[in-house]
Amino acid sequence: MKQLLSARKGFPLVVCAPSGAGKSTLISRLCADFPLCFSISCTTRHPRAGETNGVDYHFIDKKEFIRRKKEGYFAEWAEVHGNFYGTPLQPVLDAMADGRDVLFDIDVQGAAQLSLTLPDAKFVFILPPSLEELERRLRNRGTESEESIVRRLANARSEILSSHWFDAVLVNDNLDAAYDQLRSFYVASSLRPRLSPALARQTLGES
């Protein structure tokens, strides 16, 4: 059985959602149930309270980020609110070669780039029940300025309009139901034959 399982390649699971849709909670539950490798991005923004370099992000300056970008270091990159964010490509390739699935928590702009650089990736978009509910959740955080809320809602509209090209879309109205859908999508994606090209032959005892 170990020989059969070792034939499987890992794949990227890309999860996108507007701010306030509950993405972080759903991702945390998925990571608690499965040994997913979480992709750690590089960013030029300053660390926030409680964030650790190498755990939450790799914090680098803008000059270093641009140098790495020119060298093709990133699988995807984006400029968001004046700061650069990017996903190192080689650690992702190494993890997949070892049979580990890699989880991406990025925006739609980054996801679109990953669809080109990582062809085995699967993409899921998490919708809020409505924009009114999304606004209510953002306001209930008590951490967002009015300017931030307006900007996040505008971004949410744009992101939602891009959700049609994703492989799966789910609505986070009921957390347990939404998680069941996310979990099911991940499991189904992990069973694709292309990730285990030698499995059938091994089952038949062929080399």
Foldseek 3Di string as FASTA:
>chain_A
DVVLLQLFFAAEEEEAEFPQQCPVVLVVVLVVVDVAAEFAKEKQDDDDPPDDDPPNHPHDHPVVVVVCVVVVQFLFWDADPNMIIGTGDPVCNVCRNRVHYYYHYDYPRRVVSNVVSGVLYAYEYEYEPDLVVSLVSVVVVVPDDPVRSVVSSVVNVVRVVVRPPHPYYYYPPDVVVRSVVVNVVVVVSSPDCVRRVCNVCVVVVHD
